[in-house]
């Protein structure tokens, strides 16, 4: 097993190689990587089978097992993500601004690669292909530190991608995987600021907090998802039930699933009975306030902790509100800055919600499940940023670039 510092040093050494690759070659390699994933689908599924066996033996929660599981369809989606990245415009070299100074200097602000990007993530093998594709297209070397739960899946995907790189005369160190899955190695990786320019964690609250608190490398924080849906007093009840059911149950183990519901008190009698009946199809447990429990007899009283929790399970917290202002205040108090939605036919309420809710993505009359790089047309995503820096929401190609100023003169000197 390669020494961690050597691995990071090798990635730093090849970052200049990838930065100058022509767009046409990058796109061609990405297309070949997509084909290789599909062609070697059985190898990936066999490796994933080993991870799933260990997950079942350890009693991993179903929501997390869903994140870990690969299928032929999900491998095809990974490949399609790479194809979409190949089809997108290359941001590297884009002139973001151009202006002239009175002294004759012409200044251009241009997009450039960040350099070496480290990704620390948990049981999400799809991240392996997504992270490579986005970093490769933007001219960045990438170092992956996956969790032990997805070790065999990640290892096989990286092997396949590195093989394609080698066949195209590109150093395989453009894509590296840290095979030691221990926490000690993760902590050591967080200190490799000499070689790594940016660190992005993807996983649960504990992982993200650990990286933010311990890394000496600049971090883009991808947050957990306590996502809310607010049913306004002027909502269409049937639309509300359909959207909530989709957002809660379509996939329970993802960060953009609905975990919390706020219902205006004037529409609760029209919505909650229908919603309760629908959620019973998936045995969703409802934890509600006094008014909710009075309507839905099977619900249990919610605690303060319930309103701020990302369940990743068939559990939904439900609270009633007397006004849109009360609903917004509740959401801003308990949300994680990820994705929030309002169901309403009132345009003014919709605009107020969009304006006042503090989150990376805010929806009107749509499921929160669309917060996703693939759905946004980014091809894939490196994560969902919930912070307020240059990257927020699904992080695609442009969010993996920095910029530099290029200044053209004709002999100017400063007096």
Protein backbone atom coordinates (compact mmCIF):
# COMPACT_ATOMS: atom_id res chain seq x y z
CA UNK A 1 0.00 0.00 0.00
CA UNK A 2 1.44 3.37 -1.03
CA UNK A 3 2.45 5.83 1.67
CA UNK A 4 -0.17 8.59 2.10
CA UNK A 5 2.25 11.48 1.72
CA UNK A 6 3.73 9.90 -1.41
CA UNK A 7 0.25 9.46 -2.86
CA UNK A 8 -0.59 13.12 -2.22
CA UNK A 9 2.79 14.24 -3.56
CA UNK A 10 2.23 12.25 -6.76
CA UNK A 11 -1.17 13.86 -7.26
CA UNK A 12 0.33 17.32 -6.80
CA UNK A 13 3.04 16.48 -9.33
CA UNK A 14 0.59 15.52 -12.08
CA UNK A 15 -1.88 18.36 -11.61
CA UNK A 16 0.03 20.43 -14.16
CA UNK A 17 -0.27 17.58 -16.67
CA UNK A 18 -4.04 17.48 -16.48
CA UNK A 19 -4.43 21.27 -16.46
CA UNK A 20 -3.19 21.53 -20.05
CA UNK A 21 -5.15 18.63 -21.55
CA UNK A 22 -7.24 19.80 -24.53
CA UNK A 23 -10.99 19.75 -24.04
CA UNK A 24 -11.41 17.27 -26.89
CA UNK A 25 -9.12 14.74 -25.21
CA UNK A 26 -10.80 15.14 -21.83
CA UNK A 27 -14.18 14.53 -23.42
CA UNK A 28 -12.94 11.49 -25.32
CA UNK A 29 -11.50 9.96 -22.14
CA UNK A 30 -14.74 10.59 -20.24
CA UNK A 31 -16.73 8.84 -22.96
CA UNK A 32 -14.36 5.87 -22.78
CA UNK A 33 -14.70 5.79 -18.98
CA UNK A 34 -18.48 5.70 -19.30
CA UNK A 35 -18.25 2.80 -21.75
CA UNK A 36 -15.81 0.96 -19.48
CA UNK A 37 -18.15 1.19 -16.48
CA UNK A 38 -20.99 -0.35 -18.46
CA UNK A 39 -18.80 -2.95 -20.14
CA UNK A 40 -17.38 -4.09 -16.80
CA UNK A 41 -20.68 -3.81 -15.00
CA UNK A 42 -20.52 -7.39 -13.66
CA UNK A 43 -17.12 -6.75 -12.06
CA UNK A 44 -18.54 -3.71 -10.28
CA UNK A 45 -21.68 -5.57 -9.16
CA UNK A 46 -19.60 -8.45 -7.81
CA UNK A 47 -17.46 -6.03 -5.81
CA UNK A 48 -20.57 -4.24 -4.57
CA UNK A 49 -22.02 -7.60 -3.56
CA UNK A 50 -19.12 -8.07 -1.15
CA UNK A 51 -19.81 -4.65 0.37
CA UNK A 52 -23.53 -5.39 0.68
CA UNK A 53 -22.84 -8.70 2.44
CA UNK A 54 -20.69 -6.94 5.03
CA UNK A 55 -23.32 -4.21 5.43
CA UNK A 56 -26.02 -6.78 6.18
CA UNK A 57 -23.77 -8.60 8.65
CA UNK A 58 -23.10 -5.32 10.47
CA UNK A 59 -26.79 -4.44 10.60
CA UNK A 60 -26.42 -1.27 8.53
CA UNK A 61 -29.72 0.72 8.44
CA UNK A 62 -31.78 0.25 5.30
CA UNK A 63 -31.40 3.89 4.25
CA UNK A 64 -27.63 3.58 4.25
CA UNK A 65 -27.76 0.21 2.52
CA UNK A 66 -29.77 1.89 -0.22
CA UNK A 67 -26.97 4.43 -0.69
CA UNK A 68 -24.41 1.65 -0.86
CA UNK A 69 -26.28 -0.65 -3.24
CA UNK A 70 -25.38 -0.62 -6.93
CA UNK A 71 -27.58 -2.05 -9.68
CA UNK A 72 -27.19 -2.25 -13.43
CA UNK A 73 -29.46 0.79 -13.66
CA UNK A 74 -27.39 2.78 -11.18
CA UNK A 75 -24.16 1.90 -12.98
CA UNK A 76 -25.75 3.10 -16.22
CA UNK A 77 -26.69 6.34 -14.43
CA UNK A 78 -23.04 6.73 -13.35
CA UNK A 79 -21.96 6.24 -16.95
CA UNK A 80 -24.59 8.67 -18.20
CA UNK A 81 -23.30 11.22 -15.70
CA UNK A 82 -19.84 10.96 -17.27
CA UNK A 83 -21.33 11.31 -20.75
CA UNK A 84 -23.22 14.43 -19.70
CA UNK A 85 -20.06 15.92 -18.19
CA UNK A 86 -18.28 15.28 -21.49
CA UNK A 87 -21.08 17.07 -23.36
CA UNK A 88 -20.98 20.17 -21.15
CA UNK A 89 -18.87 23.23 -22.01
CA UNK A 90 -15.38 23.19 -20.52
CA UNK A 91 -15.17 26.04 -17.99
CA UNK A 92 -11.37 26.07 -17.89
CA UNK A 93 -10.04 29.14 -19.68
CA UNK A 94 -13.40 30.93 -19.74
CA UNK A 95 -13.01 34.70 -19.53
CA UNK A 96 -15.35 35.71 -16.71
CA UNK A 97 -14.65 39.45 -16.98
CA UNK A 98 -12.60 41.70 -19.25
CA UNK A 99 -11.88 45.38 -18.70
CA UNK A 100 -9.37 48.08 -19.57
CA UNK A 101 -7.68 50.47 -17.17
CA UNK A 102 -6.98 54.15 -17.93
CA UNK A 103 -3.25 53.34 -18.10
CA UNK A 104 -3.85 50.97 -21.00
CA UNK A 105 -3.64 47.69 -19.10
CA UNK A 106 -6.15 45.07 -20.25
CA UNK A 107 -7.26 42.76 -17.43
CA UNK A 108 -9.02 39.43 -17.86
CA UNK A 109 -10.46 37.29 -15.08
CA UNK A 110 -10.18 33.67 -16.25
CA UNK A 111 -11.33 30.32 -14.84
CA UNK A 112 -8.55 27.93 -13.86
CA UNK A 113 -8.42 24.52 -12.15
CA UNK A 114 -8.13 24.47 -8.35
CA UNK A 115 -5.33 21.88 -8.42
CA UNK A 116 -5.66 18.79 -6.23
CA UNK A 117 -9.07 18.08 -4.71
CA UNK A 118 -9.59 15.57 -1.90
CA UNK A 119 -12.95 13.90 -1.33
CA UNK A 120 -13.77 12.14 1.95
CA UNK A 121 -17.02 10.23 1.72
CA UNK A 122 -18.98 7.35 3.17
CA UNK A 123 -21.03 4.51 1.67
CA UNK A 124 -21.73 6.12 -1.70
CA UNK A 125 -19.84 4.36 -4.52
CA UNK A 126 -21.51 6.53 -7.16
CA UNK A 127 -19.49 9.45 -5.77
CA UNK A 128 -16.34 7.73 -7.01
CA UNK A 129 -17.26 8.11 -10.68
CA UNK A 130 -18.96 11.50 -10.24
CA UNK A 131 -15.99 13.01 -8.42
CA UNK A 132 -13.52 11.74 -11.00
CA UNK A 133 -15.57 12.99 -13.95
CA UNK A 134 -16.10 16.49 -12.60
CA UNK A 135 -12.52 16.89 -11.42
CA UNK A 136 -11.07 15.50 -14.66
CA UNK A 137 -13.17 17.79 -16.87
CA UNK A 138 -12.08 20.82 -14.82
CA UNK A 139 -8.39 19.89 -14.95
CA UNK A 140 -8.08 18.87 -11.30
CA UNK A 141 -6.33 15.82 -9.88
CA UNK A 142 -8.52 14.04 -7.31
CA UNK A 143 -7.74 11.93 -4.26
CA UNK A 144 -10.59 9.77 -2.95
CA UNK A 145 -10.93 8.62 0.64
CA UNK A 146 -14.00 6.41 0.80
CA UNK A 147 -15.31 4.58 3.85
CA UNK A 148 -14.75 0.92 4.64
CA UNK A 149 -18.40 0.09 3.88
CA UNK A 150 -17.91 0.72 0.14
CA UNK A 151 -14.27 -0.36 -0.08
CA UNK A 152 -14.59 -3.10 -2.73
CA UNK A 153 -16.98 -1.07 -4.90
CA UNK A 154 -14.75 2.00 -4.84
CA UNK A 155 -11.63 -0.03 -5.48
CA UNK A 156 -13.10 -1.67 -8.59
CA UNK A 157 -14.47 1.59 -10.03
CA UNK A 158 -11.13 3.34 -9.51
CA UNK A 159 -9.29 0.40 -11.11
CA UNK A 160 -11.49 0.65 -14.21
CA UNK A 161 -11.11 4.42 -14.53
CA UNK A 162 -7.34 4.37 -13.99
CA UNK A 163 -7.05 1.71 -16.67
CA UNK A 164 -8.74 4.04 -19.18
CA UNK A 165 -6.42 6.88 -18.19
CA UNK A 166 -3.36 4.73 -18.76
CA UNK A 167 -4.57 3.58 -22.18
CA UNK A 168 -4.84 7.25 -23.18
CA UNK A 169 -1.31 8.12 -22.08
CA UNK A 170 -2.47 10.04 -19.01
CA UNK A 171 -0.85 9.49 -15.63
CA UNK A 172 -3.05 7.30 -13.44
CA UNK A 173 -2.14 9.53 -10.48
CA UNK A 174 -4.70 12.00 -11.79
CA UNK A 175 -7.09 9.71 -9.88
CA UNK A 176 -5.94 8.23 -6.56
CA UNK A 177 -7.69 6.20 -3.90
CA UNK A 178 -6.54 5.99 -0.29
CA UNK A 179 -7.07 2.31 0.50
CA UNK A 180 -6.48 2.59 4.24
CA UNK A 181 -9.98 3.31 5.53
CA UNK A 182 -8.99 4.01 9.15
CA UNK A 183 -9.93 7.21 10.94
CA UNK A 184 -6.27 7.80 11.71
CA UNK A 185 -5.45 7.93 8.00
CA UNK A 186 -8.43 10.20 7.38
CA UNK A 187 -7.13 12.56 10.08
CA UNK A 188 -3.65 12.50 8.51
CA UNK A 189 -5.15 13.23 5.09
CA UNK A 190 -6.85 16.34 6.49
CA UNK A 191 -3.40 17.77 7.24
CA UNK A 192 -1.97 17.39 3.73
CA UNK A 193 -2.34 21.09 2.87
CA UNK A 194 1.12 21.09 1.29
CA UNK A 195 -0.22 18.97 -1.57
CA UNK A 196 -4.04 19.19 -1.51
CA UNK A 197 -5.76 22.46 -2.40
CA UNK A 198 -9.36 21.71 -1.41
CA UNK A 199 -11.14 19.10 0.70
CA UNK A 200 -14.81 18.17 0.27
CA UNK A 201 -16.57 15.84 2.74
CA UNK A 202 -19.68 13.90 1.71
CA UNK A 203 -21.52 11.93 4.34
CA UNK A 204 -23.25 12.19 7.67
CA UNK A 205 -23.11 15.01 10.17
CA UNK A 206 -20.30 13.36 12.16
CA UNK A 207 -17.99 13.05 9.16
CA UNK A 208 -18.64 16.59 7.99
CA UNK A 209 -18.11 18.04 11.47
CA UNK A 210 -14.84 16.11 11.85
CA UNK A 211 -13.47 17.44 8.55
CA UNK A 212 -14.54 21.02 9.21
CA UNK A 213 -13.04 21.02 12.71
CA UNK A 214 -9.78 19.19 11.98
CA UNK A 215 -8.70 19.96 8.42
CA UNK A 216 -5.83 22.33 7.67
CA UNK A 217 -6.93 22.17 4.02
CA UNK A 218 -9.64 24.62 2.90
CA UNK A 219 -13.03 22.85 3.10
CA UNK A 220 -16.28 23.21 1.20
CA UNK A 221 -18.93 21.94 3.58
CA UNK A 222 -21.57 19.67 2.10
CA UNK A 223 -24.33 19.50 4.66
CA UNK A 224 -26.83 17.02 5.90
CA UNK A 225 -30.41 17.40 4.73
CA UNK A 226 -33.17 18.18 7.18
CA UNK A 227 -35.38 19.24 4.28
CA UNK A 228 -38.83 20.74 4.91
CA UNK A 229 -42.03 21.05 2.93
CA UNK A 230 -44.49 23.77 3.99
CA UNK A 231 -48.14 23.28 3.00
CA UNK A 232 -49.60 26.78 2.78
CA UNK A 233 -53.23 27.58 3.57
CA UNK A 234 -53.74 28.16 -0.18
CA UNK A 235 -52.23 24.84 -1.29
CA UNK A 236 -53.86 22.23 -3.49
CA UNK A 237 -54.28 19.32 -1.04
CA UNK A 238 -53.86 16.60 -3.68
CA UNK A 239 -50.73 18.21 -5.06
CA UNK A 240 -49.35 18.54 -1.53
CA UNK A 241 -49.93 14.85 -0.73
CA UNK A 242 -48.31 13.70 -3.99
CA UNK A 243 -45.24 15.91 -3.55
CA UNK A 244 -44.74 14.99 0.11
CA UNK A 245 -45.11 11.27 -0.63
CA UNK A 246 -42.49 11.50 -3.37
CA UNK A 247 -40.08 13.64 -1.37
CA UNK A 248 -40.32 11.37 1.68
CA UNK A 249 -40.47 7.86 0.20
CA UNK A 250 -38.98 7.78 -3.31
CA UNK A 251 -35.54 7.21 -1.70
CA UNK A 252 -35.25 7.52 2.05
CA UNK A 253 -31.46 7.41 2.37
CA UNK A 254 -30.62 10.59 0.45
CA UNK A 255 -29.91 14.09 1.68
CA UNK A 256 -32.67 15.71 -0.41
CA UNK A 257 -35.48 13.55 1.00
CA UNK A 258 -38.15 15.39 2.99
CA UNK A 259 -37.64 14.85 6.72
CA UNK A 260 -39.90 17.57 8.15
CA UNK A 261 -43.33 18.91 7.28
CA UNK A 262 -45.03 22.15 8.29
CA UNK A 263 -48.77 22.49 7.64
CA UNK A 264 -50.85 25.65 7.96
CA UNK A 265 -53.53 25.14 10.62
CA UNK A 266 -56.32 26.23 8.26
CA UNK A 267 -55.62 23.42 5.78
CA UNK A 268 -54.58 20.65 8.17
CA UNK A 269 -58.02 18.97 8.15
CA UNK A 270 -58.00 18.82 4.35
CA UNK A 271 -54.42 17.55 4.02
CA UNK A 272 -53.43 15.43 7.00
CA UNK A 273 -56.05 12.62 6.71
CA UNK A 274 -55.21 12.13 3.01
CA UNK A 275 -51.50 12.32 3.75
CA UNK A 276 -51.74 9.83 6.61
CA UNK A 277 -53.55 7.35 4.39
CA UNK A 278 -50.95 7.73 1.64
CA UNK A 279 -47.94 7.42 3.97
CA UNK A 280 -49.37 4.24 5.47
CA UNK A 281 -48.61 2.58 2.11
CA UNK A 282 -44.91 2.81 3.08
CA UNK A 283 -45.42 2.45 6.85
CA UNK A 284 -44.07 5.96 7.46
CA UNK A 285 -44.04 6.87 11.14
CA UNK A 286 -45.38 10.36 11.84
CA UNK A 287 -44.10 12.38 14.79
CA UNK A 288 -46.34 15.39 15.23
CA UNK A 289 -47.38 18.21 17.50
CA UNK A 290 -50.63 18.17 19.50
CA UNK A 291 -52.84 19.20 16.58
CA UNK A 292 -51.31 16.60 14.28
CA UNK A 293 -51.72 13.84 16.87
CA UNK A 294 -55.35 14.89 17.29
CA UNK A 295 -56.05 14.26 13.60
CA UNK A 296 -53.76 11.27 12.98
CA UNK A 297 -54.29 8.84 15.84
CA UNK A 298 -51.37 6.64 14.78
CA UNK A 299 -48.85 9.50 15.08
CA UNK A 300 -46.67 9.91 18.15
CA UNK A 301 -45.77 13.18 19.92
CA UNK A 302 -42.76 14.94 18.41
CA UNK A 303 -39.86 16.07 20.58
CA UNK A 304 -37.67 19.12 20.07
CA UNK A 305 -35.00 16.81 18.65
CA UNK A 306 -37.40 15.48 16.01
CA UNK A 307 -37.77 18.86 14.34
CA UNK A 308 -34.04 19.11 13.64
CA UNK A 309 -33.28 15.51 12.70
CA UNK A 310 -32.24 13.98 9.39
CA UNK A 311 -33.87 10.55 9.80
CA UNK A 312 -32.82 8.79 6.58
CA UNK A 313 -35.69 6.47 7.46
CA UNK A 314 -39.45 6.09 7.10
CA UNK A 315 -40.09 8.77 9.73
CA UNK A 316 -41.51 12.26 9.23
CA UNK A 317 -41.85 15.10 11.72
CA UNK A 318 -44.98 17.22 11.25
CA UNK A 319 -45.79 20.60 12.81
CA UNK A 320 -48.70 22.98 12.33
CA UNK A 321 -48.20 26.73 11.88
CA UNK A 322 -50.58 29.66 12.19
CA UNK A 323 -49.03 31.72 9.38
CA UNK A 324 -46.42 31.63 6.65
CA UNK A 325 -44.20 33.79 8.85
CA UNK A 326 -44.36 31.20 11.64
CA UNK A 327 -43.58 28.43 9.15
CA UNK A 328 -40.57 30.27 7.74
CA UNK A 329 -39.25 31.00 11.23
CA UNK A 330 -39.56 27.32 12.16
CA UNK A 331 -37.81 26.19 8.98
CA UNK A 332 -34.95 28.69 9.35
CA UNK A 333 -34.46 27.55 12.93
CA UNK A 334 -34.27 23.82 12.25
CA UNK A 335 -33.13 23.42 8.65
CA UNK A 336 -29.62 22.54 7.53
CA UNK A 337 -29.48 24.97 4.61
CA UNK A 338 -30.11 22.25 2.03
CA UNK A 339 -33.53 22.20 0.31
CA UNK A 340 -36.92 23.59 1.34
CA UNK A 341 -40.26 23.70 -0.48
CA UNK A 342 -43.62 25.45 -0.30
CA UNK A 343 -46.87 24.11 -1.74
CA UNK A 344 -49.16 27.03 -2.53
CA UNK A 345 -51.38 28.64 -5.16
CA UNK A 346 -50.65 32.10 -3.71
CA UNK A 347 -47.94 33.83 -5.74
CA UNK A 348 -47.15 36.36 -3.01
CA UNK A 349 -46.64 33.59 -0.46
CA UNK A 350 -44.43 31.72 -2.91
CA UNK A 351 -42.24 34.77 -3.49
CA UNK A 352 -42.05 35.46 0.26
CA UNK A 353 -40.93 31.89 0.89
CA UNK A 354 -38.31 32.06 -1.87
CA UNK A 355 -37.01 35.36 -0.52
CA UNK A 356 -36.92 34.62 3.21
CA UNK A 357 -36.03 30.93 3.57
CA UNK A 358 -32.29 30.44 4.11
CA UNK A 359 -31.29 27.40 2.05
CA UNK A 360 -29.21 26.48 -0.97
CA UNK A 361 -32.29 25.38 -2.93
CA UNK A 362 -35.85 26.63 -2.41
CA UNK A 363 -38.80 25.15 -4.34
CA UNK A 364 -42.34 26.17 -5.17
CA UNK A 365 -44.77 23.31 -5.85
CA UNK A 366 -42.10 20.67 -6.47
CA UNK A 367 -40.37 17.84 -4.62
CA UNK A 368 -37.08 18.48 -2.84
CA UNK A 369 -35.75 15.33 -4.52
CA UNK A 370 -34.67 17.43 -7.51
CA UNK A 371 -31.70 18.92 -5.65
CA UNK A 372 -29.18 16.90 -7.55
CA UNK A 373 -26.44 17.66 -10.06
CA UNK A 374 -27.85 15.21 -12.60
CA UNK A 375 -31.34 16.72 -12.35
CA UNK A 376 -29.95 20.26 -12.62
CA UNK A 377 -28.18 19.35 -15.86
CA UNK A 378 -24.67 19.40 -14.37
CA UNK A 379 -24.02 15.80 -15.46
CA UNK A 380 -23.20 14.88 -11.87
CA UNK A 381 -22.28 16.67 -8.68
CA UNK A 382 -19.38 16.70 -6.29
CA UNK A 383 -21.81 17.34 -3.43
CA UNK A 384 -24.50 19.74 -2.22
CA UNK A 385 -22.83 22.74 -0.63
CA UNK A 386 -24.82 24.23 2.25
CA UNK A 387 -22.42 27.04 3.07
CA UNK A 388 -22.29 30.64 1.86
CA UNK A 389 -18.98 30.69 -0.02
CA UNK A 390 -18.50 30.63 -3.80
CA UNK A 391 -20.19 27.23 -4.15
CA UNK A 392 -23.76 26.65 -2.93
CA UNK A 393 -26.22 23.91 -3.82
CA UNK A 394 -25.30 21.14 -6.30
CA UNK A 395 -21.64 21.64 -7.18
CA UNK A 396 -20.91 21.12 -10.85
CA UNK A 397 -18.03 22.06 -13.11
CA UNK A 398 -17.80 25.80 -12.46
CA UNK A 399 -17.78 25.27 -8.69
CA UNK A 400 -14.58 23.21 -9.09
CA UNK A 401 -12.65 26.08 -10.63
CA UNK A 402 -10.93 29.13 -9.24
CA UNK A 403 -9.77 32.10 -11.27
CA UNK A 404 -6.74 34.19 -11.98
CA UNK A 405 -6.21 37.63 -13.46
CA UNK A 406 -4.31 37.85 -16.75
CA UNK A 407 -2.96 41.32 -17.40
CA UNK A 408 -1.81 42.54 -20.81
CA UNK A 409 0.39 45.61 -21.11
CA UNK A 410 2.60 47.40 -23.62
CA UNK A 411 5.41 48.69 -21.43
CA UNK A 412 3.51 50.24 -18.49
CA UNK A 413 5.42 50.96 -15.29
CA UNK A 414 3.98 52.19 -12.03
CA UNK A 415 4.88 55.72 -11.00
